Amino acid sequence: MTYSHANLSRRRFLTASGAASLVLAGATLLPAWAQAPAPGKGGVLSYNIESDPPNFDLLSNTTSRVLDSIGGCYNGLVQYDPLDPNAIIGDLAESWDVSADGLAITFKLRQGVKFHDGMPMTSADVKYTFDITRDPPEGIVSVRKSALAAISAIDAPDDHTVVFTLNRPSPGLIAGLCPNWFSVLPKHVLEQGQMKDVVVGTGPFKLANYSRGNSIELVRNPDYFDPDKPYADAINVYIIPEQASVMAYFRSGQLNIFEGMEATLAHEAERDMADEATVQSAPSLNAIALHFNLAVKPWDDVRVRKAAALAIDRSAAVAVLFKGDAVLGGMSPPSGTWALPDEQLHAIPGFGPQQAPDAIDEAKALLAEAGFPSGFETRLVVRRDDRFGPWGVFLQDQLAKVGIKVNLDPQEAATYSESQKAKAYDIHGGNLSIAVDDPDAIFGNQVVSGAGGNYSQIADPEIDALFLAQSQELDPAKRKAMSNELEALVLGQYLVYPVAFSFRFLGTRNEVHDYRLHSQTNNNRRMAGVWIS
């Protein structure tokens, strides 16, 4: 089957109304992007991020700060439609064809595409990028190689054709290539080493300046393959840790986009700025979670992990941390296609909608059985920011109820990122980060042996085998059943403890048009079609 700019729909983690993004009650009936006149060129987009990226390397990083900063500098083969998060369209690939047996995908590339340094982009760059990603040589870190495990070979028969040969059918692979992390990198630059300080892509914007701790400036790429885009002259990304300060800049118009709005500020903007701005909301694909380092005692003991889970009041986490703007869940986004049914999820102790009355007593008994009748001390690493700092304090308080004394270690973003990669923690309070609502993405980067996002260091042959089986199952109903079985296995062993999926909020002043919030913001960072009136 051939797809051309593909109109390829998928079911996503959607709101109850069926829309992946909505305008909060009290704002105009339709968001600004739906009411706008014809787009025009000019102006500067300005938005916030909480902290600096560790570096600019797309291969080794997991923090969204990287794509928040320079996502507009790159293109991938395919992408989610910026204005329709439920559709997959071409990016550098004009079309693609999946063989009848599902074992080959042929991409036809755009012609005349150039990298920012003037070199042409060809199939050789695509092949080199994805070969490095799936099978990195010694000294190269690739945290997403497991996502490409179904690919056995990549061929470039001519400058504008790339063929992925698969070792098994992989129904989730095309969707898995959509996140902006899977951008095409220049072979001639990447051959010199990982691109930590160098940004050379084909994207609509080019990196012009980076002032660490202050701002990142992107400017229009005059040689972009779409001559009508980008519309904006530049993007200014300001590094502002405090949400209150971001709100002040957004109110004054110094920022025309407010990224990652806290729920309370989103409701405040909806109430006070209805004539000046629009607030969009979408359910997140990321959950706050507690990751246990199984290589560190006593977290290798399932009784200790279960005790920690029982100690945590999940409904209190939603109330305290998100003021109610979050949904309890397991590993799969709760309203998505693959979610574990509530009756199965709630049957696992510690995953019910309310904390069980005897949960604390049971947790203490489990710790005593494991040899810790008086509890123990442990080190919890979190990122120091407005989102995860409070999560760390909440976990410290909850675990103390059963005698687990948490030494809280909040870290600046770059240090935190290195701690994640090195697994330098006893337990880790962070995200369960999901790129797309598909089992390959939900589990592949989180629980498969050696995966980049496997922060618990899980290495279980049964989990790996079940993951592989679901990944190649073409019958959706059978695949869902296998996905549910895999999720129940992971949660029942308390290998990771996801708590709640929050809602995302995005504020845009009325002069900003055609910027739509996606459930996973990493999937909409190019901004070529966003314009300013």
Protein backbone atom coordinates (compact mmCIF):
# COMPACT_ATOMS: atom_id res chain seq x y z
CA MET A 1 0.00 0.00 0.00
CA THR A 2 1.34 3.43 -0.94
CA TYR A 3 0.86 6.56 1.16
CA SER A 4 1.40 10.03 -0.27
CA HIS A 5 1.58 12.73 2.40
CA ALA A 6 -0.35 10.07 3.96
CA ASN A 7 -3.71 11.02 5.39
CA LEU A 8 -2.98 8.00 7.59
CA SER A 9 -5.25 8.19 10.63
CA ARG A 10 -4.63 6.62 14.00
CA ARG A 11 -6.48 6.55 17.29
CA ARG A 12 -4.80 8.65 19.89
CA PHE A 13 -5.20 9.44 23.54
CA LEU A 14 -8.22 11.73 23.09
CA THR A 15 -10.42 13.82 25.29
CA ALA A 16 -13.95 12.71 26.05
CA SER A 17 -15.26 15.03 23.33
CA GLY A 18 -13.15 13.21 20.76
CA ALA A 19 -10.83 16.14 20.09
CA ALA A 20 -7.13 15.93 20.81
CA SER A 21 -7.02 19.61 21.66
CA LEU A 22 -9.69 21.98 22.94
CA VAL A 23 -10.25 25.52 24.09
CA LEU A 24 -11.20 25.90 27.74
CA ALA A 25 -14.75 26.88 28.60
CA GLY A 26 -15.31 30.60 28.54
CA ALA A 27 -13.02 31.28 25.59
CA THR A 28 -14.30 31.72 22.03
CA LEU A 29 -16.21 28.81 20.52
CA LEU A 30 -13.40 28.10 18.07
CA PRO A 31 -9.70 28.56 18.84
CA ALA A 32 -7.74 31.34 17.15
CA TRP A 33 -6.11 28.93 14.69
CA ALA A 34 -9.58 27.98 13.36
CA GLN A 35 -10.78 31.59 12.94
CA ALA A 36 -7.69 33.21 11.45
CA PRO A 37 -7.45 34.95 8.07
CA ALA A 38 -4.92 33.93 5.44
CA PRO A 39 -1.37 33.49 6.77
CA GLY A 40 1.43 35.94 6.05
CA LYS A 41 5.15 36.15 6.63
CA GLY A 42 6.94 38.15 9.29
CA GLY A 43 7.15 38.54 13.03
CA VAL A 44 8.88 36.66 15.82
CA LEU A 45 7.51 33.74 17.82
CA SER A 46 8.57 33.83 21.46
CA TYR A 47 8.05 31.15 24.08
CA ASN A 48 9.51 29.75 27.29
CA ILE A 49 11.32 26.63 28.44
CA GLU A 50 12.17 25.83 32.07
CA SER A 51 15.87 25.09 31.67
CA ASP A 52 18.75 24.70 29.25
CA PRO A 53 19.09 21.53 27.20
CA PRO A 54 22.05 19.36 28.30
CA ASN A 55 23.32 19.69 24.71
CA PHE A 56 21.79 19.50 21.22
CA ASP A 57 22.36 15.83 20.42
CA LEU A 58 19.19 14.11 19.18
CA LEU A 59 20.66 10.61 19.50
CA SER A 60 21.60 10.51 23.17
CA ASN A 61 19.09 12.82 24.84
CA THR A 62 15.67 12.08 26.26
CA THR A 63 14.75 15.46 27.74
CA SER A 64 12.22 17.49 25.78
CA ARG A 65 14.37 20.56 26.38
CA VAL A 66 16.38 19.58 23.30
CA LEU A 67 13.42 19.58 20.92
CA ASP A 68 11.90 22.56 22.72
CA SER A 69 15.06 24.41 21.74
CA ILE A 70 15.99 23.26 18.24
CA GLY A 71 13.14 21.08 16.96
CA GLY A 72 12.48 23.66 14.25
CA CYS A 73 15.94 23.05 12.79
CA TYR A 74 15.22 19.50 11.60
CA ASN A 75 12.89 17.31 9.54
CA GLY A 76 12.10 13.61 9.71
CA LEU A 77 10.81 11.19 7.12
CA VAL A 78 7.23 11.46 8.39
CA GLN A 79 5.44 13.52 10.99
CA TYR A 80 2.14 14.05 12.71
CA ASP A 81 0.16 16.74 10.95
CA PRO A 82 0.76 19.96 12.93
CA LEU A 83 -2.96 20.82 12.73
CA ASP A 84 -4.31 17.27 13.07
CA PRO A 85 -2.60 15.12 15.70
CA ASN A 86 -4.56 12.10 14.44
CA ALA A 87 -2.99 12.02 10.96
CA ILE A 88 0.45 11.03 9.70
CA ILE A 89 1.82 12.98 6.75
CA GLY A 90 5.08 13.07 4.84
CA ASP A 91 7.95 15.32 5.79
CA LEU A 92 11.17 14.58 3.91
CA ALA A 93 9.40 11.55 2.47
CA GLU A 94 6.94 12.50 -0.28
CA SER A 95 5.44 9.02 -0.17
CA TRP A 96 6.06 5.56 1.21
CA ASP A 97 5.03 2.05 0.24
CA VAL A 98 4.62 -0.92 2.58
CA SER A 99 5.08 -4.32 0.93
CA ALA A 100 2.24 -6.85 1.03
CA ASP A 101 4.10 -9.01 3.56
CA GLY A 102 4.91 -6.00 5.75
CA LEU A 103 8.66 -6.68 5.54
CA ALA A 104 9.77 -3.72 3.45
CA ILE A 105 9.00 0.01 3.51
CA THR A 106 10.14 2.12 0.54
CA PHE A 107 10.37 5.88 1.05
CA LYS A 108 10.50 8.32 -1.85
CA LEU A 109 12.32 11.48 -0.77
CA ARG A 110 11.79 15.10 -1.70
CA GLN A 111 14.28 16.43 -4.21
CA GLY A 112 16.22 19.66 -3.88
CA VAL A 113 16.41 19.61 -0.08
CA LYS A 114 19.51 21.19 1.45
CA PHE A 115 21.07 21.13 4.90
CA HIS A 116 21.71 24.46 6.57
CA ASP A 117 25.36 24.36 5.47
CA GLY A 118 24.30 24.11 1.81
CA MET A 119 25.00 20.42 1.32
CA PRO A 120 22.24 18.40 -0.40
CA MET A 121 20.15 15.98 1.63
CA THR A 122 20.03 12.54 -0.01
CA SER A 123 19.16 8.95 0.81
CA ALA A 124 22.74 8.50 2.06
CA ASP A 125 21.96 10.86 4.96
CA VAL A 126 18.78 8.97 5.79
CA LYS A 127 20.55 5.63 5.71
CA TYR A 128 23.43 6.86 7.85
CA THR A 129 21.16 8.50 10.42
CA PHE A 130 18.97 5.46 10.95
CA ASP A 131 21.86 2.99 10.81
CA ILE A 132 23.62 4.94 13.57
CA THR A 133 20.38 5.14 15.56
CA ARG A 134 19.57 1.42 15.39
CA ASP A 135 23.13 0.08 15.63
CA PRO A 136 25.43 2.72 17.13
CA PRO A 137 29.17 2.09 16.92
CA GLU A 138 31.32 2.08 20.02
CA GLY A 139 31.43 5.51 21.62
CA ILE A 140 28.06 6.62 20.21
CA VAL A 141 25.02 6.69 22.49
CA SER A 142 21.63 6.03 20.90
CA VAL A 143 18.77 5.90 23.38
CA ARG A 144 16.14 5.00 20.74
CA LYS A 145 17.78 2.01 19.10
CA SER A 146 15.14 -0.32 20.54
CA ALA A 147 12.45 1.58 18.62
CA LEU A 148 14.12 0.47 15.38
CA ALA A 149 14.75 -3.14 16.38
CA ALA A 150 12.46 -4.42 13.61
CA ILE A 151 14.78 -2.98 10.93
CA SER A 152 17.36 -5.48 9.68
CA ALA A 153 18.82 -3.45 6.81
CA ILE A 154 18.57 -0.04 5.16
CA ASP A 155 19.37 0.44 1.48
CA ALA A 156 19.65 3.56 -0.67
CA PRO A 157 19.24 2.40 -4.29
CA ASP A 158 19.32 6.00 -5.57
CA ASP A 159 19.65 9.49 -4.12
CA HIS A 160 15.92 9.84 -3.46
CA THR A 161 14.87 6.31 -2.46
CA VAL A 162 15.36 4.56 0.87
CA VAL A 163 14.26 1.00 1.65
CA PHE A 164 13.84 -0.27 5.21
CA THR A 165 13.96 -4.08 5.28
CA LEU A 166 12.32 -5.55 8.38
CA ASN A 167 13.02 -8.78 10.20
CA ARG A 168 9.35 -9.01 11.16
CA PRO A 169 6.14 -7.11 10.49
CA SER A 170 5.97 -3.95 12.58
CA PRO A 171 2.54 -2.27 12.45
CA GLY A 172 3.67 0.51 14.79
CA LEU A 173 6.88 1.49 12.98
CA ILE A 174 5.58 4.35 10.81
CA ALA A 175 3.88 5.98 13.80
CA GLY A 176 7.07 5.41 15.77
CA LEU A 177 9.08 7.43 13.24
CA CYS A 178 6.87 10.52 13.62
CA PRO A 179 8.34 12.06 16.81
CA ASN A 180 10.78 14.84 16.02
CA TRP A 181 13.55 12.81 17.68
CA PHE A 182 13.79 10.75 14.49
CA SER A 183 15.08 13.62 12.40
CA VAL A 184 17.44 13.13 9.47
CA LEU A 185 20.98 14.24 10.30
CA PRO A 186 23.77 15.17 7.87
CA LYS A 187 26.09 12.23 7.24
CA HIS A 188 29.08 14.50 6.59
CA VAL A 189 28.66 16.13 10.03
CA LEU A 190 27.60 13.07 12.03
CA GLU A 191 30.65 11.18 10.76
CA GLN A 192 32.75 13.61 12.81
CA GLY A 193 31.02 12.61 16.06
CA GLN A 194 27.78 13.18 17.97
CA MET A 195 26.22 16.56 17.33
CA LYS A 196 26.20 17.90 20.88
CA ASP A 197 27.22 21.44 20.00
CA VAL A 198 26.44 21.52 16.29
CA VAL A 199 22.97 22.05 14.82
CA VAL A 200 22.82 21.37 11.09
CA GLY A 201 19.46 20.21 9.78
CA THR A 202 17.10 20.74 6.87
CA GLY A 203 14.40 22.41 8.97
CA PRO A 204 12.51 25.67 8.52
CA PHE A 205 14.69 27.46 11.08
CA LYS A 206 18.43 27.71 11.71
CA LEU A 207 20.22 28.16 15.03
CA ALA A 208 21.50 31.74 15.19
CA ASN A 209 22.52 32.20 18.82
CA TYR A 210 22.53 30.41 22.16
CA SER A 211 23.12 32.24 25.41
CA ARG A 212 23.18 29.60 28.12
CA GLY A 213 20.73 30.34 30.91
CA ASN A 214 19.11 33.11 28.89
CA SER A 215 17.83 32.38 25.40
CA ILE A 216 18.05 30.49 22.12
CA GLU A 217 17.46 32.28 18.83
CA LEU A 218 16.37 30.55 15.63
CA VAL A 219 16.04 32.40 12.32
CA ARG A 220 14.24 31.59 9.09
CA ASN A 221 15.99 29.16 6.75
CA PRO A 222 15.87 30.98 3.37
CA ASP A 223 16.58 27.71 1.53
CA TYR A 224 13.79 25.67 3.10
CA PHE A 225 12.30 23.14 0.69
CA ASP A 226 8.84 24.70 1.03
CA PRO A 227 9.35 28.17 -0.46
CA ASP A 228 6.23 29.53 1.26
CA LYS A 229 7.46 28.62 4.74
CA PRO A 230 8.32 29.25 7.45
CA TYR A 231 6.04 32.18 8.03
CA ALA A 232 7.82 33.59 11.09
CA ASP A 233 11.09 35.47 10.69
CA ALA A 234 12.50 33.99 13.88
CA ILE A 235 11.81 32.08 17.07
CA ASN A 236 13.12 33.32 20.42
CA VAL A 237 13.15 30.69 23.15
CA TYR A 238 13.61 32.14 26.64
CA ILE A 239 14.88 30.05 29.55
CA ILE A 240 12.61 30.97 32.47
CA PRO A 241 12.37 28.50 35.38
CA GLU A 242 9.53 30.16 37.28
CA GLN A 243 5.99 29.85 35.93
CA ALA A 244 4.92 33.07 37.67
CA SER A 245 7.55 35.00 35.72
CA VAL A 246 6.44 33.36 32.46
CA MET A 247 2.87 34.41 33.20
CA ALA A 248 3.94 38.01 33.70
CA TYR A 249 5.79 38.05 30.38
CA PHE A 250 2.83 36.39 28.66
CA ARG A 251 0.40 38.94 30.07
CA SER A 252 2.59 41.84 28.93
CA GLY A 253 3.02 40.39 25.43
CA GLN A 254 6.77 39.88 25.77
CA LEU A 255 6.02 36.20 25.17
CA ASN A 256 3.34 35.35 22.62
CA ILE A 257 3.34 31.64 23.51
CA PHE A 258 3.23 30.14 27.00
CA GLU A 259 4.51 26.56 26.84
CA GLY A 260 3.81 24.04 29.60
CA MET A 261 1.29 26.16 31.48
CA GLU A 262 0.43 24.95 34.94
CA ALA A 263 -3.27 24.21 35.36
CA THR A 264 -3.87 27.06 37.82
CA LEU A 265 -2.28 29.59 35.47
CA ALA A 266 -4.17 28.15 32.51
CA HIS A 267 -7.46 28.73 34.27
CA GLU A 268 -6.30 32.18 35.34
CA ALA A 269 -5.45 33.09 31.74
CA GLU A 270 -8.77 31.74 30.51
CA ARG A 271 -10.55 33.89 33.08
CA ASP A 272 -8.53 37.10 32.82
CA MET A 273 -7.17 37.12 29.26
CA ALA A 274 -10.11 35.89 27.18
CA ASP A 275 -9.88 38.94 24.90
CA GLU A 276 -6.11 38.62 24.45
CA ALA A 277 -5.28 34.93 24.35
CA THR A 278 -6.50 31.37 23.83
CA VAL A 279 -5.76 28.45 26.12
CA GLN A 280 -5.65 24.99 24.59
CA SER A 281 -5.78 21.75 26.57
CA ALA A 282 -4.83 18.21 25.66
CA PRO A 283 -4.31 15.03 27.69
CA SER A 284 -0.62 14.28 28.06
CA LEU A 285 1.06 11.08 26.90
CA ASN A 286 3.46 11.36 29.84
CA ALA A 287 2.79 10.18 33.38
CA ILE A 288 4.56 11.13 36.57
CA ALA A 289 6.14 7.95 37.83
CA LEU A 290 8.46 6.43 40.39
CA HIS A 291 11.28 4.40 38.85
CA PHE A 292 13.06 1.82 41.04
CA ASN A 293 16.70 1.06 40.28
CA LEU A 294 16.63 -2.74 40.37
CA ALA A 295 20.43 -2.80 40.47
CA VAL A 296 20.40 -1.11 43.89
CA LYS A 297 19.30 -2.97 47.00
CA PRO A 298 16.72 -3.21 48.41
CA TRP A 299 14.81 -2.13 45.28
CA ASP A 300 15.55 -5.48 43.65
CA ASP A 301 13.01 -6.98 46.08
CA VAL A 302 9.44 -6.90 44.76
CA ARG A 303 8.12 -6.71 48.35
CA VAL A 304 9.93 -3.39 48.88
CA ARG A 305 8.71 -2.00 45.57
CA LYS A 306 5.13 -3.03 46.34
CA ALA A 307 5.40 -1.46 49.80
CA ALA A 308 6.45 1.83 48.22
CA ALA A 309 3.54 1.67 45.79
CA LEU A 310 1.05 0.97 48.57
CA ALA A 311 2.40 3.91 50.56
CA ILE A 312 1.57 6.41 47.81
CA ASP A 313 -1.91 7.96 47.80
CA ARG A 314 -2.49 8.36 44.06
CA SER A 315 -5.69 10.38 44.36
CA ALA A 316 -3.88 12.78 46.71
CA ALA A 317 -1.16 13.19 44.08
CA VAL A 318 -3.77 14.32 41.54
CA ALA A 319 -5.33 16.73 44.03
CA VAL A 320 -2.09 18.16 45.43
CA LEU A 321 0.17 18.23 42.39
CA PHE A 322 -2.32 18.88 39.59
CA LYS A 323 -5.28 20.45 41.39
CA GLY A 324 -7.45 17.74 39.83
CA ASP A 325 -6.24 18.26 36.26
CA ALA A 326 -4.86 14.75 35.81
CA VAL A 327 -6.11 11.20 35.35
CA LEU A 328 -4.91 8.11 37.22
CA GLY A 329 -3.55 5.33 35.04
CA GLY A 330 -1.08 2.56 34.45
CA MET A 331 1.57 2.57 31.74
CA SER A 332 -0.77 3.17 28.80
CA PRO A 333 -2.51 6.56 28.45
CA PRO A 334 -5.85 5.94 30.19
CA SER A 335 -8.13 7.13 27.40
CA GLY A 336 -5.98 5.75 24.62
CA THR A 337 -6.44 2.79 22.35
CA TRP A 338 -4.29 0.40 24.38
CA ALA A 339 -5.19 1.24 27.99
CA LEU A 340 -5.49 -1.58 30.48
CA PRO A 341 -9.22 -1.84 31.37
CA ASP A 342 -10.04 -0.29 34.75
CA GLU A 343 -11.20 -3.56 36.24
CA GLN A 344 -7.82 -5.14 35.50
CA LEU A 345 -5.81 -2.10 36.57
CA HIS A 346 -7.69 -1.61 39.84
CA ALA A 347 -7.28 -5.29 40.71
CA ILE A 348 -3.53 -4.73 41.11
CA PRO A 349 -2.85 -3.57 44.71
CA GLY A 350 -1.76 0.07 44.72
CA PHE A 351 -3.44 0.94 41.41
CA GLY A 352 -6.99 1.54 42.62
CA PRO A 353 -8.78 4.89 42.34
CA GLN A 354 -8.44 5.36 46.12
CA GLN A 355 -5.76 4.23 48.55
CA ALA A 356 -6.92 1.08 50.32
CA PRO A 357 -7.69 1.57 54.06
CA ASP A 358 -5.14 -1.05 55.06
CA ALA A 359 -2.49 -0.02 52.51
CA ILE A 360 -0.06 1.49 55.04
CA ASP A 361 -0.28 -1.51 57.38
CA GLU A 362 0.25 -3.90 54.47
CA ALA A 363 3.23 -1.87 53.27
CA LYS A 364 4.86 -1.97 56.70
CA ALA A 365 4.29 -5.73 56.89
CA LEU A 366 5.93 -6.22 53.49
CA LEU A 367 8.96 -4.19 54.59
CA ALA A 368 9.25 -6.23 57.77
CA GLU A 369 9.03 -9.44 55.76
CA ALA A 370 11.80 -8.12 53.49
CA GLY A 371 14.02 -7.46 56.54
CA PHE A 372 13.26 -3.77 57.16
CA PRO A 373 10.89 -3.60 60.13
CA SER A 374 12.13 -0.10 60.94
CA GLY A 375 12.35 1.04 57.32
CA PHE A 376 15.51 2.23 55.57
CA GLU A 377 17.10 5.25 53.88
CA THR A 378 17.21 5.79 50.12
CA ARG A 379 18.19 8.52 47.65
CA LEU A 380 15.58 9.99 45.33
CA VAL A 381 16.71 12.00 42.30
CA VAL A 382 14.32 14.49 40.66
CA ARG A 383 14.71 17.39 38.28
CA ARG A 384 14.72 20.76 40.03
CA ASP A 385 11.78 22.60 38.48
CA ASP A 386 8.16 23.54 39.13
CA ARG A 387 6.86 20.16 37.96
CA PHE A 388 9.17 17.55 39.46
CA GLY A 389 10.37 19.38 42.56
CA PRO A 390 6.91 19.11 44.16
CA TRP A 391 6.66 15.48 43.00
CA GLY A 392 9.86 14.72 44.89
CA VAL A 393 8.59 16.36 48.08
CA PHE A 394 5.29 14.50 47.75
CA LEU A 395 7.10 11.15 47.37
CA GLN A 396 9.32 11.95 50.36
CA ASP A 397 6.25 12.58 52.50
CA GLN A 398 4.35 9.52 51.29
CA LEU A 399 7.19 7.02 51.70
CA ALA A 400 7.95 8.33 55.19
CA LYS A 401 4.57 6.95 56.32
CA VAL A 402 5.92 3.41 56.03
CA GLY A 403 9.40 4.14 57.38
CA ILE A 404 11.26 4.79 54.13
CA LYS A 405 13.40 7.86 54.74
CA VAL A 406 13.98 9.62 51.44
CA ASN A 407 17.08 11.76 50.95
CA LEU A 408 15.84 14.08 48.24
CA ASP A 409 18.35 15.08 45.55
CA PRO A 410 16.88 17.73 43.22
CA GLN A 411 19.19 18.36 40.27
CA GLU A 412 19.55 21.00 37.59
CA ALA A 413 18.34 19.73 34.20
CA ALA A 414 21.72 18.91 32.64
CA THR A 415 22.94 17.05 35.75
CA TYR A 416 19.61 15.27 36.04
CA SER A 417 19.84 14.13 32.42
CA GLU A 418 23.28 12.65 33.05
CA SER A 419 22.00 10.90 36.19
CA GLN A 420 19.22 9.35 34.12
CA LYS A 421 21.67 8.05 31.53
CA ALA A 422 24.08 6.70 34.17
CA LYS A 423 21.27 5.29 36.35
CA ALA A 424 22.91 7.19 39.21
CA TYR A 425 20.09 6.99 41.74
CA ASP A 426 18.34 4.59 44.09
CA ILE A 427 14.92 5.72 42.95
CA HIS A 428 14.00 8.34 40.40
CA GLY A 429 10.92 10.54 40.33
CA GLY A 430 10.30 11.55 36.73
CA ASN A 431 8.18 10.94 33.69
CA LEU A 432 6.99 7.80 32.06
CA SER A 433 7.55 9.42 28.68
CA ILE A 434 5.58 8.04 25.73
CA ALA A 435 6.22 9.30 22.21
CA VAL A 436 3.04 7.95 20.58
CA ASP A 437 0.02 5.96 21.72
CA ASP A 438 1.25 2.59 20.46
CA PRO A 439 2.51 -0.41 22.47
CA ASP A 440 5.90 -0.26 20.78
CA ALA A 441 6.36 3.25 22.16
CA ILE A 442 4.59 2.64 25.47
CA PHE A 443 6.76 -0.35 26.40
CA GLY A 444 9.67 -0.41 23.96
CA ASN A 445 11.59 2.45 25.48
CA GLN A 446 10.50 1.79 29.08
CA VAL A 447 10.73 -1.91 29.95
CA VAL A 448 12.63 -3.74 27.21
CA SER A 449 16.12 -4.85 28.25
CA GLY A 450 18.70 -2.17 27.47
CA ALA A 451 16.21 0.44 26.25
CA GLY A 452 17.20 4.09 26.70
CA GLY A 453 14.19 4.95 28.87
CA ASN A 454 14.39 1.78 30.97
CA TYR A 455 15.27 3.72 34.11
CA SER A 456 14.50 0.78 36.40
CA GLN A 457 17.07 -1.39 34.55
CA ILE A 458 14.49 -4.09 33.89
CA ALA A 459 15.93 -7.20 32.23
CA ASP A 460 13.22 -9.84 32.07
CA PRO A 461 13.15 -12.44 29.23
CA GLU A 462 9.40 -12.93 29.65
CA ILE A 463 8.75 -9.21 29.21
CA ASP A 464 11.09 -9.02 26.21
CA ALA A 465 9.40 -12.01 24.55
CA LEU A 466 5.89 -10.68 25.11
CA PHE A 467 6.91 -7.26 23.80
CA LEU A 468 8.35 -8.82 20.64
CA ALA A 469 5.22 -10.92 20.10
CA GLN A 470 2.82 -7.96 20.33
CA SER A 471 5.06 -5.79 18.19
CA GLN A 472 4.61 -8.02 15.13
CA GLU A 473 0.95 -8.98 15.68
CA LEU A 474 -1.13 -7.58 12.81
CA ASP A 475 -4.55 -8.32 14.30
CA PRO A 476 -5.45 -5.22 16.40
CA ALA A 477 -7.65 -7.13 18.86
CA LYS A 478 -5.01 -9.78 19.50
CA ARG A 479 -2.33 -7.10 19.80
CA LYS A 480 -4.40 -5.21 22.37
CA ALA A 481 -4.85 -8.35 24.45
CA MET A 482 -1.10 -8.99 24.36
CA SER A 483 -0.39 -5.37 25.24
CA ASN A 484 -2.74 -5.59 28.23
CA GLU A 485 -1.04 -8.81 29.35
CA LEU A 486 2.36 -7.12 29.13
CA GLU A 487 1.18 -4.08 31.09
CA ALA A 488 -0.36 -6.22 33.84
CA LEU A 489 2.89 -8.19 34.12
CA VAL A 490 5.03 -5.04 34.50
CA LEU A 491 2.69 -3.36 36.97
CA GLY A 492 2.11 -6.53 38.98
CA GLN A 493 5.86 -6.80 39.59
CA TYR A 494 6.03 -3.05 40.45
CA LEU A 495 8.94 -2.64 38.03
CA VAL A 496 7.88 0.97 37.56
CA TYR A 497 5.10 2.83 39.33
CA PRO A 498 3.18 5.26 37.09
CA VAL A 499 0.71 7.43 38.95
CA ALA A 500 -1.11 10.05 36.86
CA PHE A 501 -1.33 11.51 33.36
CA SER A 502 -1.74 15.26 33.57
CA PHE A 503 -3.42 17.57 31.12
CA ARG A 504 -1.19 19.86 29.09
CA PHE A 505 -2.03 23.51 28.66
CA LEU A 506 -0.77 25.92 26.01
CA GLY A 507 -1.37 29.64 25.93
CA THR A 508 -1.17 31.61 22.69
CA ARG A 509 -1.79 35.30 22.32
CA ASN A 510 -4.32 36.18 19.63
CA GLU A 511 -1.69 37.27 17.13
CA VAL A 512 -0.36 33.69 16.94
CA HIS A 513 -2.13 31.39 14.48
CA ASP A 514 -2.03 27.73 13.45
CA TYR A 515 -0.16 26.43 16.47
CA ARG A 516 -2.02 23.45 17.86
CA LEU A 517 -1.22 21.64 21.08
CA HIS A 518 -0.44 17.93 20.67
CA SER A 519 -0.71 15.42 23.50
CA GLN A 520 3.02 14.80 23.04
CA THR A 521 4.60 18.19 22.39
CA ASN A 522 7.74 16.55 20.96
CA ASN A 523 5.63 15.66 17.92
CA ASN A 524 4.95 19.28 16.88
CA ARG A 525 8.15 21.29 17.19
CA ARG A 526 8.85 22.37 13.58
CA MET A 527 6.54 25.43 13.65
CA ALA A 528 6.96 26.08 9.92
CA GLY A 529 3.26 26.85 9.51
CA VAL A 530 2.79 28.99 12.62
CA TRP A 531 2.27 32.64 11.73
CA ILE A 532 1.77 36.02 13.35
CA SER A 533 -0.82 38.64 12.42
